[in-house]
Amino acid sequence: MAAGQKRNTLVYAQAKKALDQMKYEISKELNIDTSPIQGDYWGYMTARDCGAIGGHMVKRMIEAAERTLSQQAVANVQAGFRAGIAQSNQQNTTNPNLNLNNLNQHY
């Protein structure tokens, strides 16, 4: 890479604080000593410890993304189901034989 090119720019600058907080939370959960950290410099930490923290961060972010996607899928299915029911109810008003509300009356 040529001098002056920087590719690791933040997409959402607001997320930096949350990600830093997540790093420290995960290091506490993994019982990793964070005393060698000076300011924002993690260079005195072992690669193994930093890798474990980073790996757990990625794992949590993937879980959060999967959870969000599944909630969106459920919401889309529910919206489609409601739209289908509303559409069938509109169609059923023209043909009383297909009205689902009268279904228990026939049996």
PDB file of N, CA and C in Angstrom:
ATOM      1  N   MET A   1       0.853  -1.169   0.000  1.00  0.00           N
ATOM      2  CA  MET A   1       0.000   0.000   0.000  1.00  0.00           C
ATOM      3  C   MET A   1       0.897   1.229   0.000  1.00  0.00           C
ATOM      4  N   ALA A   2       0.523   2.213  -0.776  1.00  0.00           N
ATOM      5  CA  ALA A   2       1.307   3.444  -0.888  1.00  0.00           C
ATOM      6  C   ALA A   2       1.169   4.282   0.369  1.00  0.00           C
ATOM      7  N   ALA A   3       2.148   5.119   0.591  1.00  0.00           N
ATOM      8  CA  ALA A   3       2.113   5.995   1.756  1.00  0.00           C
ATOM      9  C   ALA A   3       0.943   6.956   1.645  1.00  0.00           C
ATOM     10  N   GLY A   4       0.287   7.183   2.744  1.00  0.00           N
ATOM     11  CA  GLY A   4      -0.821   8.121   2.762  1.00  0.00           C
ATOM     12  C   GLY A   4      -2.182   7.488   2.574  1.00  0.00           C
ATOM     13  N   GLN A   5      -2.218   6.253   2.144  1.00  0.00           N
ATOM     14  CA  GLN A   5      -3.508   5.580   1.980  1.00  0.00           C
ATOM     15  C   GLN A   5      -3.896   4.929   3.296  1.00  0.00           C
ATOM     16  N   LYS A   6      -5.081   5.228   3.723  1.00  0.00           N
ATOM     17  CA  LYS A   6      -5.582   4.645   4.961  1.00  0.00           C
ATOM     18  C   LYS A   6      -6.931   4.010   4.660  1.00  0.00           C
ATOM     19  N   ARG A   7      -7.026   2.725   4.824  1.00  0.00           N
ATOM     20  CA  ARG A   7      -8.243   2.009   4.473  1.00  0.00           C
ATOM     21  C   ARG A   7      -9.074   1.605   5.685  1.00  0.00           C
ATOM     22  N   ASN A   8      -8.540   1.736   6.858  1.00  0.00           N
ATOM     23  CA  ASN A   8      -9.288   1.303   8.030  1.00  0.00           C
ATOM     24  C   ASN A   8     -10.032   2.462   8.686  1.00  0.00           C
ATOM     25  N   THR A   9     -10.803   3.183   7.877  1.00  0.00           N
ATOM     26  CA  THR A   9     -11.607   4.276   8.405  1.00  0.00           C
ATOM     27  C   THR A   9     -12.899   3.708   8.988  1.00  0.00           C
ATOM     28  N   LEU A  10     -13.413   4.395   9.979  1.00  0.00           N
ATOM     29  CA  LEU A  10     -14.639   3.956  10.627  1.00  0.00           C
ATOM     30  C   LEU A  10     -15.841   4.269   9.753  1.00  0.00           C
ATOM     31  N   VAL A  11     -16.729   3.309   9.615  1.00  0.00           N
ATOM     32  CA  VAL A  11     -17.955   3.531   8.865  1.00  0.00           C
ATOM     33  C   VAL A  11     -18.921   4.322   9.735  1.00  0.00           C
ATOM     34  N   TYR A  12     -19.046   3.922  10.988  1.00  0.00           N
ATOM     35  CA  TYR A  12     -19.895   4.620  11.950  1.00  0.00           C
ATOM     36  C   TYR A  12     -19.020   5.029  13.125  1.00  0.00           C
ATOM     37  N   ALA A  13     -18.658   6.284  13.175  1.00  0.00           N
ATOM     38  CA  ALA A  13     -17.766   6.775  14.228  1.00  0.00           C
ATOM     39  C   ALA A  13     -18.390   6.612  15.609  1.00  0.00           C
ATOM     40  N   GLN A  14     -19.733   6.629  15.690  1.00  0.00           N
ATOM     41  CA  GLN A  14     -20.414   6.502  16.972  1.00  0.00           C
ATOM     42  C   GLN A  14     -20.206   5.115  17.569  1.00  0.00           C
ATOM     43  N   ALA A  15     -19.881   4.135  16.755  1.00  0.00           N
ATOM     44  CA  ALA A  15     -19.733   2.764  17.234  1.00  0.00           C
ATOM     45  C   ALA A  15     -18.402   2.538  17.946  1.00  0.00           C
ATOM     46  N   LYS A  16     -17.445   3.417  17.772  1.00  0.00           N
ATOM     47  CA  LYS A  16     -16.117   3.219  18.368  1.00  0.00           C
ATOM     48  C   LYS A  16     -16.191   3.078  19.884  1.00  0.00           C
ATOM     49  N   LYS A  17     -16.942   3.947  20.523  1.00  0.00           N
ATOM     50  CA  LYS A  17     -17.050   3.902  21.975  1.00  0.00           C
ATOM     51  C   LYS A  17     -17.690   2.583  22.430  1.00  0.00           C
ATOM     52  N   ALA A  18     -18.730   2.156  21.730  1.00  0.00           N
ATOM     53  CA  ALA A  18     -19.406   0.907  22.086  1.00  0.00           C
ATOM     54  C   ALA A  18     -18.486  -0.292  21.873  1.00  0.00           C
ATOM     55  N   LEU A  19     -17.702  -0.285  20.804  1.00  0.00           N
ATOM     56  CA  LEU A  19     -16.780  -1.391  20.554  1.00  0.00           C
ATOM     57  C   LEU A  19     -15.662  -1.424  21.590  1.00  0.00           C
ATOM     58  N   ASP A  20     -15.167  -0.257  21.968  1.00  0.00           N
ATOM     59  CA  ASP A  20     -14.144  -0.212  23.019  1.00  0.00           C
ATOM     60  C   ASP A  20     -14.698  -0.755  24.332  1.00  0.00           C
ATOM     61  N   GLN A  21     -15.914  -0.365  24.650  1.00  0.00           N
ATOM     62  CA  GLN A  21     -16.549  -0.863  25.875  1.00  0.00           C
ATOM     63  C   GLN A  21     -16.718  -2.384  25.799  1.00  0.00           C
ATOM     64  N   MET A  22     -17.086  -2.881  24.618  1.00  0.00           N
ATOM     65  CA  MET A  22     -17.247  -4.326  24.449  1.00  0.00           C
ATOM     66  C   MET A  22     -15.930  -5.061  24.665  1.00  0.00           C
ATOM     67  N   LYS A  23     -14.820  -4.464  24.188  1.00  0.00           N
ATOM     68  CA  LYS A  23     -13.506  -5.076  24.380  1.00  0.00           C
ATOM     69  C   LYS A  23     -13.214  -5.296  25.859  1.00  0.00           C
ATOM     70  N   TYR A  24     -13.464  -4.265  26.652  1.00  0.00           N
ATOM     71  CA  TYR A  24     -13.163  -4.364  28.074  1.00  0.00           C
ATOM     72  C   TYR A  24     -14.114  -5.334  28.789  1.00  0.00           C
ATOM     73  N   GLU A  25     -15.387  -5.355  28.384  1.00  0.00           N
ATOM     74  CA  GLU A  25     -16.343  -6.291  28.986  1.00  0.00           C
ATOM     75  C   GLU A  25     -15.938  -7.731  28.712  1.00  0.00           C
ATOM     76  N   ILE A  26     -15.551  -8.006  27.469  1.00  0.00           N
ATOM     77  CA  ILE A  26     -15.159  -9.359  27.100  1.00  0.00           C
ATOM     78  C   ILE A  26     -13.868  -9.756  27.797  1.00  0.00           C
ATOM     79  N   SER A  27     -12.925  -8.822  27.914  1.00  0.00           N
ATOM     80  CA  SER A  27     -11.669  -9.154  28.597  1.00  0.00           C
ATOM     81  C   SER A  27     -11.924  -9.478  30.070  1.00  0.00           C
ATOM     82  N   LYS A  28     -12.903  -8.797  30.687  1.00  0.00           N
ATOM     83  CA  LYS A  28     -13.257  -9.128  32.071  1.00  0.00           C
ATOM     84  C   LYS A  28     -13.878 -10.521  32.155  1.00  0.00           C
ATOM     85  N   GLU A  29     -14.798 -10.822  31.212  1.00  0.00           N
ATOM     86  CA  GLU A  29     -15.448 -12.123  31.215  1.00  0.00           C
ATOM     87  C   GLU A  29     -14.456 -13.252  30.998  1.00  0.00           C
ATOM     88  N   LEU A  30     -13.416 -13.007  30.192  1.00  0.00           N
ATOM     89  CA  LEU A  30     -12.414 -14.029  29.910  1.00  0.00           C
ATOM     90  C   LEU A  30     -11.276 -14.015  30.930  1.00  0.00           C
ATOM     91  N   ASN A  31     -11.371 -13.150  31.933  1.00  0.00           N
ATOM     92  CA  ASN A  31     -10.344 -12.997  32.969  1.00  0.00           C
ATOM     93  C   ASN A  31      -8.973 -12.684  32.369  1.00  0.00           C
ATOM     94  N   ILE A  32      -8.965 -11.784  31.390  1.00  0.00           N
ATOM     95  CA  ILE A  32      -7.715 -11.357  30.767  1.00  0.00           C
ATOM     96  C   ILE A  32      -7.288 -10.047  31.412  1.00  0.00           C
ATOM     97  N   ASP A  33      -6.050 -10.002  31.844  1.00  0.00           N
ATOM     98  CA  ASP A  33      -5.504  -8.824  32.516  1.00  0.00           C
ATOM     99  C   ASP A  33      -5.309  -7.701  31.509  1.00  0.00           C
ATOM    100  N   THR A  34      -5.950  -6.578  31.734  1.00  0.00           N
ATOM    101  CA  THR A  34      -5.829  -5.440  30.821  1.00  0.00           C
ATOM    102  C   THR A  34      -4.905  -4.350  31.371  1.00  0.00           C
ATOM    103  N   SER A  35      -4.142  -4.668  32.398  1.00  0.00           N
ATOM    104  CA  SER A  35      -3.246  -3.655  32.975  1.00  0.00           C
ATOM    105  C   SER A  35      -2.132  -3.214  32.019  1.00  0.00           C
ATOM    106  N   PRO A  36      -1.668  -4.058  31.078  1.00  0.00           N
ATOM    107  CA  PRO A  36      -0.625  -3.561  30.155  1.00  0.00           C
ATOM    108  C   PRO A  36      -1.131  -2.518  29.161  1.00  0.00           C
ATOM    109  N   ILE A  37      -2.430  -2.299  29.080  1.00  0.00           N
ATOM    110  CA  ILE A  37      -2.970  -1.337  28.130  1.00  0.00           C
ATOM    111  C   ILE A  37      -2.643   0.065  28.628  1.00  0.00           C
ATOM    112  N   GLN A  38      -2.059   0.855  27.756  1.00  0.00           N
ATOM    113  CA  GLN A  38      -1.715   2.228  28.106  1.00  0.00           C
ATOM    114  C   GLN A  38      -2.506   3.161  27.196  1.00  0.00           C
ATOM    115  N   GLY A  39      -3.486   3.825  27.779  1.00  0.00           N
ATOM    116  CA  GLY A  39      -4.356   4.689  26.986  1.00  0.00           C
ATOM    117  C   GLY A  39      -5.202   3.838  26.054  1.00  0.00           C
ATOM    118  N   ASP A  40      -4.982   4.008  24.766  1.00  0.00           N
ATOM    119  CA  ASP A  40      -5.708   3.231  23.765  1.00  0.00           C
ATOM    120  C   ASP A  40      -4.786   2.233  23.074  1.00  0.00           C
ATOM    121  N   TYR A  41      -3.573   2.080  23.585  1.00  0.00           N
ATOM    122  CA  TYR A  41      -2.567   1.226  22.951  1.00  0.00           C
ATOM    123  C   TYR A  41      -2.577  -0.164  23.572  1.00  0.00           C
ATOM    124  N   TRP A  42      -2.893  -1.158  22.744  1.00  0.00           N
ATOM    125  CA  TRP A  42      -2.965  -2.549  23.197  1.00  0.00           C
ATOM    126  C   TRP A  42      -1.720  -3.342  22.793  1.00  0.00           C
ATOM    127  N   GLY A  43      -0.668  -2.666  22.370  1.00  0.00           N
ATOM    128  CA  GLY A  43       0.528  -3.321  21.857  1.00  0.00           C
ATOM    129  C   GLY A  43       1.287  -4.156  22.867  1.00  0.00           C
ATOM    130  N   TYR A  44       1.095  -3.910  24.140  1.00  0.00           N
ATOM    131  CA  TYR A  44       1.803  -4.682  25.156  1.00  0.00           C
ATOM    132  C   TYR A  44       1.035  -5.930  25.572  1.00  0.00           C
ATOM    133  N   MET A  45      -0.156  -6.116  25.006  1.00  0.00           N
ATOM    134  CA  MET A  45      -0.947  -7.325  25.279  1.00  0.00           C
ATOM    135  C   MET A  45      -0.423  -8.452  24.385  1.00  0.00           C
ATOM    136  N   THR A  46      -0.604  -9.682  24.824  1.00  0.00           N
ATOM    137  CA  THR A  46      -0.173 -10.790  23.987  1.00  0.00           C
ATOM    138  C   THR A  46      -1.143 -10.951  22.813  1.00  0.00           C
ATOM    139  N   ALA A  47      -0.611 -11.484  21.727  1.00  0.00           N
ATOM    140  CA  ALA A  47      -1.445 -11.699  20.540  1.00  0.00           C
ATOM    141  C   ALA A  47      -2.552 -12.699  20.841  1.00  0.00           C
ATOM    142  N   ARG A  48      -2.259 -13.659  21.686  1.00  0.00           N
ATOM    143  CA  ARG A  48      -3.262 -14.667  22.053  1.00  0.00           C
ATOM    144  C   ARG A  48      -4.446 -14.010  22.766  1.00  0.00           C
ATOM    145  N   ASP A  49      -4.160 -13.135  23.730  1.00  0.00           N
ATOM    146  CA  ASP A  49      -5.234 -12.465  24.467  1.00  0.00           C
ATOM    147  C   ASP A  49      -6.037 -11.535  23.563  1.00  0.00           C
ATOM    148  N   CYS A  50      -5.344 -10.753  22.733  1.00  0.00           N
ATOM    149  CA  CYS A  50      -6.049  -9.844  21.822  1.00  0.00           C
ATOM    150  C   CYS A  50      -6.890 -10.636  20.820  1.00  0.00           C
ATOM    151  N   GLY A  51      -6.365 -11.769  20.355  1.00  0.00           N
ATOM    152  CA  GLY A  51      -7.110 -12.600  19.422  1.00  0.00           C
ATOM    153  C   GLY A  51      -8.354 -13.188  20.055  1.00  0.00           C
ATOM    154  N   ALA A  52      -8.236 -13.593  21.323  1.00  0.00           N
ATOM    155  CA  ALA A  52      -9.398 -14.146  22.026  1.00  0.00           C
ATOM    156  C   ALA A  52     -10.475 -13.080  22.193  1.00  0.00           C
ATOM    157  N   ILE A  53     -10.053 -11.891  22.554  1.00  0.00           N
ATOM    158  CA  ILE A  53     -11.013 -10.792  22.733  1.00  0.00           C
ATOM    159  C   ILE A  53     -11.670 -10.456  21.393  1.00  0.00           C
ATOM    160  N   GLY A  54     -10.863 -10.310  20.346  1.00  0.00           N
ATOM    161  CA  GLY A  54     -11.402  -9.998  19.024  1.00  0.00           C
ATOM    162  C   GLY A  54     -12.317 -11.090  18.505  1.00  0.00           C
ATOM    163  N   GLY A  55     -11.963 -12.339  18.743  1.00  0.00           N
ATOM    164  CA  GLY A  55     -12.792 -13.454  18.301  1.00  0.00           C
ATOM    165  C   GLY A  55     -14.148 -13.464  18.978  1.00  0.00           C
ATOM    166  N   HIS A  56     -14.155 -13.193  20.281  1.00  0.00           N
ATOM    167  CA  HIS A  56     -15.426 -13.140  21.005  1.00  0.00           C
ATOM    168  C   HIS A  56     -16.261 -11.929  20.577  1.00  0.00           C
ATOM    169  N   MET A  57     -15.593 -10.825  20.231  1.00  0.00           N
ATOM    170  CA  MET A  57     -16.323  -9.659  19.744  1.00  0.00           C
ATOM    171  C   MET A  57     -17.039  -9.986  18.430  1.00  0.00           C
ATOM    172  N   VAL A  58     -16.322 -10.636  17.527  1.00  0.00           N
ATOM    173  CA  VAL A  58     -16.911 -11.005  16.239  1.00  0.00           C
ATOM    174  C   VAL A  58     -18.067 -11.979  16.450  1.00  0.00           C
ATOM    175  N   LYS A  59     -17.876 -12.924  17.352  1.00  0.00           N
ATOM    176  CA  LYS A  59     -18.931 -13.899  17.633  1.00  0.00           C
ATOM    177  C   LYS A  59     -20.199 -13.194  18.118  1.00  0.00           C
ATOM    178  N   ARG A  60     -20.046 -12.250  19.013  1.00  0.00           N
ATOM    179  CA  ARG A  60     -21.213 -11.520  19.529  1.00  0.00           C
ATOM    180  C   ARG A  60     -21.868 -10.653  18.461  1.00  0.00           C
ATOM    181  N   MET A  61     -21.058 -10.037  17.615  1.00  0.00           N
ATOM    182  CA  MET A  61     -21.632  -9.205  16.562  1.00  0.00           C
ATOM    183  C   MET A  61     -22.392 -10.051  15.546  1.00  0.00           C
ATOM    184  N   ILE A  62     -21.883 -11.241  15.239  1.00  0.00           N
ATOM    185  CA  ILE A  62     -22.589 -12.140  14.329  1.00  0.00           C
ATOM    186  C   ILE A  62     -23.901 -12.596  14.960  1.00  0.00           C
ATOM    187  N   GLU A  63     -23.884 -12.936  16.244  1.00  0.00           N
ATOM    188  CA  GLU A  63     -25.112 -13.334  16.931  1.00  0.00           C
ATOM    189  C   GLU A  63     -26.142 -12.204  16.898  1.00  0.00           C
ATOM    190  N   ALA A  64     -25.684 -10.980  17.123  1.00  0.00           N
ATOM    191  CA  ALA A  64     -26.609  -9.835  17.101  1.00  0.00           C
ATOM    192  C   ALA A  64     -27.185  -9.624  15.705  1.00  0.00           C
ATOM    193  N   ALA A  65     -26.343  -9.769  14.683  1.00  0.00           N
ATOM    194  CA  ALA A  65     -26.826  -9.606  13.309  1.00  0.00           C
ATOM    195  C   ALA A  65     -27.819 -10.710  12.947  1.00  0.00           C
ATOM    196  N   GLU A  66     -27.537 -11.948  13.357  1.00  0.00           N
ATOM    197  CA  GLU A  66     -28.462 -13.049  13.081  1.00  0.00           C
ATOM    198  C   GLU A  66     -29.794 -12.822  13.786  1.00  0.00           C
ATOM    199  N   ARG A  67     -29.717 -12.354  15.019  1.00  0.00           N
ATOM    200  CA  ARG A  67     -30.941 -12.090  15.784  1.00  0.00           C
ATOM    201  C   ARG A  67     -31.774 -11.003  15.095  1.00  0.00           C
ATOM    202  N   THR A  68     -31.113  -9.948  14.632  1.00  0.00           N
ATOM    203  CA  THR A  68     -31.802  -8.868  13.941  1.00  0.00           C
ATOM    204  C   THR A  68     -32.433  -9.361  12.637  1.00  0.00           C
ATOM    205  N   LEU A  69     -31.679 -10.145  11.882  1.00  0.00           N
ATOM    206  CA  LEU A  69     -32.211 -10.663  10.621  1.00  0.00           C
ATOM    207  C   LEU A  69     -33.399 -11.587  10.841  1.00  0.00           C
ATOM    208  N   SER A  70     -33.328 -12.418  11.871  1.00  0.00           N
ATOM    209  CA  SER A  70     -34.451 -13.321  12.127  1.00  0.00           C
ATOM    210  C   SER A  70     -35.681 -12.541  12.582  1.00  0.00           C
ATOM    211  N   GLN A  71     -35.488 -11.486  13.368  1.00  0.00           N
ATOM    212  CA  GLN A  71     -36.620 -10.655  13.778  1.00  0.00           C
ATOM    213  C   GLN A  71     -37.237  -9.942  12.583  1.00  0.00           C
ATOM    214  N   GLN A  72     -36.401  -9.487  11.656  1.00  0.00           N
ATOM    215  CA  GLN A  72     -36.916  -8.846  10.453  1.00  0.00           C
ATOM    216  C   GLN A  72     -37.684  -9.840   9.595  1.00  0.00           C
ATOM    217  N   ALA A  73     -37.169 -11.076   9.493  1.00  0.00           N
ATOM    218  CA  ALA A  73     -37.849 -12.096   8.695  1.00  0.00           C
ATOM    219  C   ALA A  73     -39.209 -12.426   9.293  1.00  0.00           C
ATOM    220  N   VAL A  74     -39.271 -12.555  10.619  1.00  0.00           N
ATOM    221  CA  VAL A  74     -40.540 -12.831  11.281  1.00  0.00           C
ATOM    222  C   VAL A  74     -41.519 -11.684  11.056  1.00  0.00           C
ATOM    223  N   ALA A  75     -41.024 -10.459  11.159  1.00  0.00           N
ATOM    224  CA  ALA A  75     -41.895  -9.299  10.943  1.00  0.00           C
ATOM    225  C   ALA A  75     -42.414  -9.271   9.510  1.00  0.00           C
ATOM    226  N   ASN A  76     -41.554  -9.613   8.548  1.00  0.00           N
ATOM    227  CA  ASN A  76     -41.987  -9.640   7.146  1.00  0.00           C
ATOM    228  C   ASN A  76     -43.018 -10.731   6.904  1.00  0.00           C
ATOM    229  N   VAL A  77     -42.819 -11.901   7.511  1.00  0.00           N
ATOM    230  CA  VAL A  77     -43.783 -12.990   7.353  1.00  0.00           C
ATOM    231  C   VAL A  77     -45.112 -12.599   7.979  1.00  0.00           C
ATOM    232  N   GLN A  78     -45.060 -12.000   9.160  1.00  0.00           N
ATOM    233  CA  GLN A  78     -46.304 -11.581   9.818  1.00  0.00           C
ATOM    234  C   GLN A  78     -47.024 -10.517   8.996  1.00  0.00           C
ATOM    235  N   ALA A  79     -46.286  -9.574   8.440  1.00  0.00           N
ATOM    236  CA  ALA A  79     -46.906  -8.527   7.616  1.00  0.00           C
ATOM    237  C   ALA A  79     -47.520  -9.137   6.361  1.00  0.00           C
ATOM    238  N   GLY A  80     -46.817 -10.078   5.755  1.00  0.00           N
ATOM    239  CA  GLY A  80     -47.358 -10.744   4.575  1.00  0.00           C
ATOM    240  C   GLY A  80     -48.591 -11.556   4.896  1.00  0.00           C
ATOM    241  N   PHE A  81     -48.571 -12.217   6.034  1.00  0.00           N
ATOM    242  CA  PHE A  81     -49.720 -13.006   6.458  1.00  0.00           C
ATOM    243  C   PHE A  81     -50.929 -12.108   6.694  1.00  0.00           C
ATOM    244  N   ARG A  82     -50.698 -10.986   7.377  1.00  0.00           N
ATOM    245  CA  ARG A  82     -51.795 -10.039   7.623  1.00  0.00           C
ATOM    246  C   ARG A  82     -52.342  -9.468   6.320  1.00  0.00           C
ATOM    247  N   ALA A  83     -51.440  -9.159   5.397  1.00  0.00           N
ATOM    248  CA  ALA A  83     -51.879  -8.623   4.109  1.00  0.00           C
ATOM    249  C   ALA A  83     -52.675  -9.679   3.351  1.00  0.00           C
ATOM    250  N   GLY A  84     -52.243 -10.925   3.422  1.00  0.00           N
ATOM    251  CA  GLY A  84     -52.966 -12.000   2.758  1.00  0.00           C
ATOM    252  C   GLY A  84     -54.343 -12.211   3.354  1.00  0.00           C
ATOM    253  N   ILE A  85     -54.435 -12.140   4.673  1.00  0.00           N
ATOM    254  CA  ILE A  85     -55.730 -12.290   5.337  1.00  0.00           C
ATOM    255  C   ILE A  85     -56.641 -11.124   4.980  1.00  0.00           C
ATOM    256  N   ALA A  86     -56.091  -9.923   4.984  1.00  0.00           N
ATOM    257  CA  ALA A  86     -56.898  -8.746   4.643  1.00  0.00           C
ATOM    258  C   ALA A  86     -57.395  -8.843   3.208  1.00  0.00           C
ATOM    259  N   GLN A  87     -56.544  -9.318   2.323  1.00  0.00           N
ATOM    260  CA  GLN A  87     -56.926  -9.449   0.927  1.00  0.00           C
ATOM    261  C   GLN A  87     -57.996 -10.530   0.766  1.00  0.00           C
ATOM    262  N   SER A  88     -57.841 -11.656   1.479  1.00  0.00           N
ATOM    263  CA  SER A  88     -58.837 -12.723   1.366  1.00  0.00           C
ATOM    264  C   SER A  88     -60.162 -12.295   1.988  1.00  0.00           C
ATOM    265  N   ASN A  89     -60.125 -11.495   3.046  1.00  0.00           N
ATOM    266  CA  ASN A  89     -61.364 -10.997   3.645  1.00  0.00           C
ATOM    267  C   ASN A  89     -62.091 -10.054   2.697  1.00  0.00           C
ATOM    268  N   GLN A  90     -61.327  -9.256   1.943  1.00  0.00           N
ATOM    269  CA  GLN A  90     -61.943  -8.362   0.964  1.00  0.00           C
ATOM    270  C   GLN A  90     -62.575  -9.165  -0.166  1.00  0.00           C
ATOM    271  N   GLN A  91     -61.913 -10.228  -0.580  1.00  0.00           N
ATOM    272  CA  GLN A  91     -62.443 -11.068  -1.646  1.00  0.00           C
ATOM    273  C   GLN A  91     -63.649 -11.870  -1.163  1.00  0.00           C
ATOM    274  N   ASN A  92     -63.642 -12.256   0.099  1.00  0.00           N
ATOM    275  CA  ASN A  92     -64.712 -13.084   0.647  1.00  0.00           C
ATOM    276  C   ASN A  92     -66.013 -12.302   0.830  1.00  0.00           C
ATOM    277  N   THR A  93     -65.961 -11.009   0.836  1.00  0.00           N
ATOM    278  CA  THR A  93     -67.196 -10.238   1.012  1.00  0.00           C
ATOM    279  C   THR A  93     -68.082 -10.341  -0.217  1.00  0.00           C
ATOM    280  N   THR A  94     -67.476 -10.633  -1.376  1.00  0.00           N
ATOM    281  CA  THR A  94     -68.281 -10.788  -2.586  1.00  0.00           C
ATOM    282  C   THR A  94     -68.881 -12.178  -2.692  1.00  0.00           C
ATOM    283  N   ASN A  95     -68.290 -13.184  -2.069  1.00  0.00           N
ATOM    284  CA  ASN A  95     -68.778 -14.555  -2.142  1.00  0.00           C
ATOM    285  C   ASN A  95     -69.000 -15.065  -0.717  1.00  0.00           C
ATOM    286  N   PRO A  96     -70.214 -15.080  -0.208  1.00  0.00           N
ATOM    287  CA  PRO A  96     -70.458 -15.485   1.171  1.00  0.00           C
ATOM    288  C   PRO A  96     -70.134 -16.954   1.437  1.00  0.00           C
ATOM    289  N   ASN A  97     -70.031 -17.778   0.413  1.00  0.00           N
ATOM    290  CA  ASN A  97     -69.691 -19.185   0.605  1.00  0.00           C
ATOM    291  C   ASN A  97     -68.241 -19.369   1.024  1.00  0.00           C
ATOM    292  N   LEU A  98     -67.384 -18.385   0.708  1.00  0.00           N
ATOM    293  CA  LEU A  98     -65.971 -18.469   1.048  1.00  0.00           C
ATOM    294  C   LEU A  98     -65.621 -17.691   2.306  1.00  0.00           C
ATOM    295  N   ASN A  99     -66.568 -17.162   3.001  1.00  0.00           N
ATOM    296  CA  ASN A  99     -66.312 -16.368   4.195  1.00  0.00           C
ATOM    297  C   ASN A  99     -65.832 -17.279   5.315  1.00  0.00           C
ATOM    298  N   LEU A 100     -64.636 -17.046   5.804  1.00  0.00           N
ATOM    299  CA  LEU A 100     -64.060 -17.885   6.852  1.00  0.00           C
ATOM    300  C   LEU A 100     -64.758 -17.696   8.189  1.00  0.00           C
ATOM    301  N   ASN A 101     -65.433 -16.578   8.383  1.00  0.00           N
ATOM    302  CA  ASN A 101     -66.132 -16.334   9.645  1.00  0.00           C
ATOM    303  C   ASN A 101     -67.331 -17.256   9.786  1.00  0.00           C
ATOM    304  N   ASN A 102     -67.908 -17.692   8.692  1.00  0.00           N
ATOM    305  CA  ASN A 102     -69.075 -18.575   8.730  1.00  0.00           C
ATOM    306  C   ASN A 102     -68.710 -20.047   8.658  1.00  0.00           C
ATOM    307  N   LEU A 103     -67.427 -20.353   8.748  1.00  0.00           N
ATOM    308  CA  LEU A 103     -66.963 -21.723   8.576  1.00  0.00           C
ATOM    309  C   LEU A 103     -67.549 -22.658   9.618  1.00  0.00           C
ATOM    310  N   ASN A 104     -67.660 -22.242  10.867  1.00  0.00           N
ATOM    311  CA  ASN A 104     -68.173 -23.123  11.911  1.00  0.00           C
ATOM    312  C   ASN A 104     -69.670 -23.341  11.787  1.00  0.00           C
ATOM    313  N   GLN A 105     -70.354 -22.527  11.034  1.00  0.00           N
ATOM    314  CA  GLN A 105     -71.786 -22.692  10.861  1.00  0.00           C
ATOM    315  C   GLN A 105     -72.112 -23.852   9.941  1.00  0.00           C
ATOM    316  N   HIS A 106     -71.221 -24.166   9.014  1.00  0.00           N
ATOM    317  CA  HIS A 106     -71.473 -25.247   8.055  1.00  0.00           C
ATOM    318  C   HIS A 106     -71.178 -26.614   8.660  1.00  0.00           C
ATOM    319  N   TYR A 107     -70.408 -26.675   9.711  1.00  0.00           N
ATOM    320  CA  TYR A 107     -70.026 -27.959  10.272  1.00  0.00           C
ATOM    321  C   TYR A 107     -70.643 -28.084  11.612  1.00  0.00           C
TER     322      TYR A 107
END
